[in-house]
N, C-alpha and C. Protein backbone atom coordinates (compact mmCIF):
# COMPACT_ATOMS: atom_id res chain seq x y z
N MET A 1 0.83 -1.18 0.00
CA MET A 1 0.00 0.00 0.00
C MET A 1 0.88 1.25 0.00
N ARG A 2 1.89 1.27 0.85
CA ARG A 2 2.77 2.42 0.92
C ARG A 2 3.58 2.55 -0.36
N ASP A 3 3.96 1.40 -0.94
CA ASP A 3 4.71 1.44 -2.20
C ASP A 3 3.88 2.08 -3.30
N ILE A 4 2.59 1.80 -3.31
CA ILE A 4 1.71 2.35 -4.32
C ILE A 4 1.62 3.86 -4.14
N ARG A 5 1.49 4.32 -2.87
CA ARG A 5 1.44 5.75 -2.62
C ARG A 5 2.74 6.42 -3.03
N PHE A 6 3.85 5.77 -2.71
CA PHE A 6 5.15 6.34 -3.07
C PHE A 6 5.27 6.45 -4.59
N ALA A 7 4.87 5.41 -5.30
CA ALA A 7 4.94 5.44 -6.76
C ALA A 7 4.03 6.52 -7.33
N ALA A 8 2.87 6.70 -6.72
CA ALA A 8 1.94 7.73 -7.19
C ALA A 8 2.53 9.12 -6.98
N VAL A 9 3.13 9.35 -5.84
CA VAL A 9 3.74 10.66 -5.56
C VAL A 9 4.90 10.90 -6.52
N ALA A 10 5.71 9.89 -6.74
CA ALA A 10 6.84 10.03 -7.66
C ALA A 10 6.34 10.32 -9.08
N ALA A 11 5.27 9.65 -9.49
CA ALA A 11 4.73 9.87 -10.83
C ALA A 11 4.18 11.28 -10.97
N VAL A 12 3.51 11.77 -9.93
CA VAL A 12 2.97 13.13 -9.99
C VAL A 12 4.10 14.14 -10.05
N LEU A 13 5.15 13.92 -9.25
CA LEU A 13 6.29 14.84 -9.27
C LEU A 13 6.96 14.85 -10.64
N LEU A 14 7.17 13.67 -11.20
CA LEU A 14 7.84 13.60 -12.50
C LEU A 14 6.95 14.08 -13.63
N ALA A 15 5.65 13.82 -13.56
CA ALA A 15 4.73 14.25 -14.62
C ALA A 15 4.49 15.76 -14.55
N GLY A 16 4.55 16.32 -13.36
CA GLY A 16 4.31 17.75 -13.21
C GLY A 16 5.49 18.60 -13.62
N ALA A 17 6.63 18.01 -13.85
CA ALA A 17 7.81 18.78 -14.26
C ALA A 17 7.64 19.24 -15.70
N PRO A 18 8.03 20.48 -15.99
CA PRO A 18 7.92 20.97 -17.37
C PRO A 18 8.78 20.14 -18.33
N ALA A 19 8.39 20.13 -19.58
CA ALA A 19 9.07 19.30 -20.58
C ALA A 19 10.44 19.84 -20.94
N CYS A 20 10.68 21.14 -20.76
CA CYS A 20 11.95 21.72 -21.18
C CYS A 20 12.88 21.96 -19.98
N VAL A 21 12.85 21.07 -19.04
CA VAL A 21 13.69 21.20 -17.86
C VAL A 21 15.11 20.73 -18.19
N ASN A 22 16.05 21.34 -17.55
CA ASN A 22 17.45 20.99 -17.71
C ASN A 22 17.65 19.50 -17.39
N PRO A 23 18.36 18.75 -18.21
CA PRO A 23 18.58 17.32 -17.93
C PRO A 23 19.28 17.09 -16.58
N ARG A 24 20.15 18.01 -16.20
CA ARG A 24 20.82 17.87 -14.91
C ARG A 24 19.81 17.99 -13.77
N ALA A 25 18.85 18.90 -13.92
CA ALA A 25 17.80 19.05 -12.90
C ALA A 25 16.94 17.80 -12.84
N GLN A 26 16.65 17.23 -14.01
CA GLN A 26 15.86 15.99 -14.03
C GLN A 26 16.63 14.85 -13.36
N ALA A 27 17.92 14.78 -13.62
CA ALA A 27 18.73 13.73 -12.99
C ALA A 27 18.78 13.94 -11.49
N ASN A 28 18.90 15.18 -11.05
CA ASN A 28 18.91 15.46 -9.61
C ASN A 28 17.58 15.09 -8.97
N MET A 29 16.48 15.38 -9.69
CA MET A 29 15.16 15.03 -9.16
C MET A 29 15.00 13.51 -9.08
N ALA A 30 15.45 12.82 -10.11
CA ALA A 30 15.36 11.35 -10.10
C ALA A 30 16.20 10.78 -8.96
N GLN A 31 17.39 11.35 -8.75
CA GLN A 31 18.24 10.89 -7.65
C GLN A 31 17.55 11.14 -6.31
N ALA A 32 16.91 12.29 -6.16
CA ALA A 32 16.21 12.61 -4.91
C ALA A 32 15.07 11.65 -4.67
N VAL A 33 14.34 11.29 -5.74
CA VAL A 33 13.23 10.34 -5.60
C VAL A 33 13.77 8.97 -5.20
N MET A 34 14.89 8.56 -5.80
CA MET A 34 15.49 7.26 -5.43
C MET A 34 15.94 7.27 -3.97
N GLU A 35 16.55 8.36 -3.53
CA GLU A 35 16.98 8.46 -2.14
C GLU A 35 15.79 8.46 -1.19
N MET A 36 14.70 9.11 -1.61
CA MET A 36 13.50 9.11 -0.80
C MET A 36 12.95 7.69 -0.68
N GLY A 37 12.98 6.94 -1.77
CA GLY A 37 12.52 5.55 -1.73
C GLY A 37 13.37 4.71 -0.80
N THR A 38 14.68 4.92 -0.84
CA THR A 38 15.58 4.18 0.05
C THR A 38 15.30 4.55 1.51
N ALA A 39 15.06 5.84 1.76
CA ALA A 39 14.76 6.27 3.13
C ALA A 39 13.46 5.65 3.62
N VAL A 40 12.46 5.57 2.76
CA VAL A 40 11.18 4.96 3.15
C VAL A 40 11.38 3.47 3.46
N GLN A 41 12.18 2.79 2.66
CA GLN A 41 12.45 1.38 2.92
C GLN A 41 13.17 1.20 4.25
N ASN A 42 14.11 2.08 4.55
CA ASN A 42 14.83 2.00 5.83
C ASN A 42 13.89 2.22 7.01
N VAL A 43 12.97 3.15 6.86
CA VAL A 43 12.00 3.40 7.93
C VAL A 43 11.10 2.18 8.11
N GLN A 44 10.69 1.56 7.01
CA GLN A 44 9.85 0.37 7.10
C GLN A 44 10.60 -0.77 7.80
N GLN A 45 11.88 -0.94 7.50
CA GLN A 45 12.68 -1.98 8.15
C GLN A 45 12.81 -1.68 9.64
N ASP A 46 13.05 -0.42 9.98
CA ASP A 46 13.14 -0.05 11.39
C ASP A 46 11.83 -0.30 12.11
N LEU A 47 10.72 -0.01 11.45
CA LEU A 47 9.41 -0.26 12.04
C LEU A 47 9.18 -1.75 12.26
N GLN A 48 9.58 -2.58 11.31
CA GLN A 48 9.44 -4.03 11.47
C GLN A 48 10.29 -4.54 12.63
N THR A 49 11.50 -4.01 12.74
CA THR A 49 12.38 -4.41 13.85
C THR A 49 11.77 -4.00 15.18
N THR A 50 11.25 -2.78 15.24
CA THR A 50 10.64 -2.29 16.47
C THR A 50 9.42 -3.13 16.83
N GLN A 51 8.60 -3.47 15.85
CA GLN A 51 7.42 -4.28 16.12
C GLN A 51 7.80 -5.67 16.62
N ALA A 52 8.84 -6.25 16.05
CA ALA A 52 9.30 -7.56 16.51
C ALA A 52 9.81 -7.48 17.95
N THR A 53 10.49 -6.40 18.29
CA THR A 53 10.98 -6.22 19.65
C THR A 53 9.82 -6.06 20.62
N VAL A 54 8.83 -5.27 20.25
CA VAL A 54 7.65 -5.07 21.11
C VAL A 54 6.92 -6.39 21.30
N ASP A 55 6.75 -7.16 20.24
CA ASP A 55 6.08 -8.46 20.36
C ASP A 55 6.85 -9.39 21.29
N SER A 56 8.17 -9.39 21.18
CA SER A 56 8.99 -10.22 22.04
C SER A 56 8.85 -9.79 23.50
N LEU A 57 8.86 -8.50 23.75
CA LEU A 57 8.71 -8.00 25.11
C LEU A 57 7.33 -8.33 25.68
N ARG A 58 6.31 -8.28 24.84
CA ARG A 58 4.97 -8.65 25.30
C ARG A 58 4.94 -10.12 25.73
N ALA A 59 5.60 -10.97 24.98
CA ALA A 59 5.65 -12.39 25.33
C ALA A 59 6.37 -12.59 26.66
N VAL A 60 7.45 -11.88 26.88
CA VAL A 60 8.20 -11.99 28.13
C VAL A 60 7.34 -11.51 29.30
N VAL A 61 6.66 -10.39 29.12
CA VAL A 61 5.81 -9.85 30.19
C VAL A 61 4.67 -10.81 30.49
N ALA A 62 4.07 -11.40 29.47
CA ALA A 62 2.98 -12.35 29.68
C ALA A 62 3.48 -13.57 30.45
N TYR A 63 4.67 -14.06 30.11
CA TYR A 63 5.24 -15.20 30.83
C TYR A 63 5.49 -14.83 32.29
N GLN A 64 6.08 -13.67 32.53
CA GLN A 64 6.38 -13.26 33.90
C GLN A 64 5.09 -13.04 34.69
N ASP A 65 4.07 -12.49 34.05
CA ASP A 65 2.80 -12.28 34.72
C ASP A 65 2.18 -13.62 35.12
N THR A 66 2.26 -14.60 34.24
CA THR A 66 1.74 -15.93 34.55
C THR A 66 2.53 -16.56 35.69
N LEU A 67 3.84 -16.40 35.67
CA LEU A 67 4.68 -16.95 36.72
C LEU A 67 4.36 -16.30 38.07
N ILE A 68 4.20 -15.00 38.08
CA ILE A 68 3.86 -14.30 39.33
C ILE A 68 2.49 -14.76 39.83
N GLN A 69 1.55 -14.92 38.92
CA GLN A 69 0.21 -15.38 39.31
C GLN A 69 0.27 -16.77 39.93
N ARG A 70 1.06 -17.65 39.35
CA ARG A 70 1.19 -19.01 39.90
C ARG A 70 1.85 -19.00 41.27
N LEU A 71 2.90 -18.22 41.42
CA LEU A 71 3.58 -18.12 42.71
C LEU A 71 2.65 -17.53 43.77
N ALA A 72 1.86 -16.54 43.38
CA ALA A 72 0.91 -15.94 44.33
C ALA A 72 -0.14 -16.96 44.74
N THR A 73 -0.59 -17.78 43.80
CA THR A 73 -1.57 -18.81 44.12
C THR A 73 -0.99 -19.86 45.07
N LEU A 74 0.24 -20.27 44.80
CA LEU A 74 0.88 -21.28 45.66
C LEU A 74 1.13 -20.77 47.07
N THR A 75 1.45 -19.50 47.20
CA THR A 75 1.74 -18.94 48.52
C THR A 75 0.51 -18.29 49.15
N GLN A 76 -0.62 -18.38 48.48
CA GLN A 76 -1.89 -17.84 48.95
C GLN A 76 -1.82 -16.33 49.22
N VAL A 77 -1.13 -15.66 48.35
CA VAL A 77 -1.05 -14.20 48.42
C VAL A 77 -2.03 -13.66 47.39
N PRO A 78 -2.86 -12.69 47.78
CA PRO A 78 -3.81 -12.15 46.79
C PRO A 78 -3.07 -11.42 45.67
N TRP A 79 -3.44 -11.79 44.45
CA TRP A 79 -2.80 -11.14 43.32
C TRP A 79 -3.84 -10.80 42.28
N PRO A 80 -3.90 -9.64 41.74
CA PRO A 80 -3.04 -8.50 42.01
C PRO A 80 -3.34 -7.93 43.41
N PRO A 81 -2.36 -7.25 43.97
CA PRO A 81 -2.55 -6.73 45.32
C PRO A 81 -3.70 -5.72 45.34
N PRO A 82 -4.44 -5.68 46.44
CA PRO A 82 -5.56 -4.73 46.52
C PRO A 82 -5.04 -3.29 46.51
N ARG A 83 -5.78 -2.43 45.85
CA ARG A 83 -5.41 -1.01 45.80
C ARG A 83 -6.14 -0.27 46.90
N HIS A 84 -5.41 0.59 47.54
CA HIS A 84 -6.03 1.37 48.63
C HIS A 84 -6.16 2.80 48.25
């Protein structure tokens, strides 16, 4: 979905450029679009890494919560503790 939006934005930028633009300016614009695409891919990879880390931490917290609940049950301690 994001790739489609990126391609659409790139197409609009390139189509909106006048036909008699300096070739060097066109090359610079194409390079900027390529760099923007690389930056978007890097952000997506960072987001995937962050999501994997969050998922892993959720699993650890769930395990620890279960362990605490079992220990509280075995020792007959009310869990979660009452709030005052």
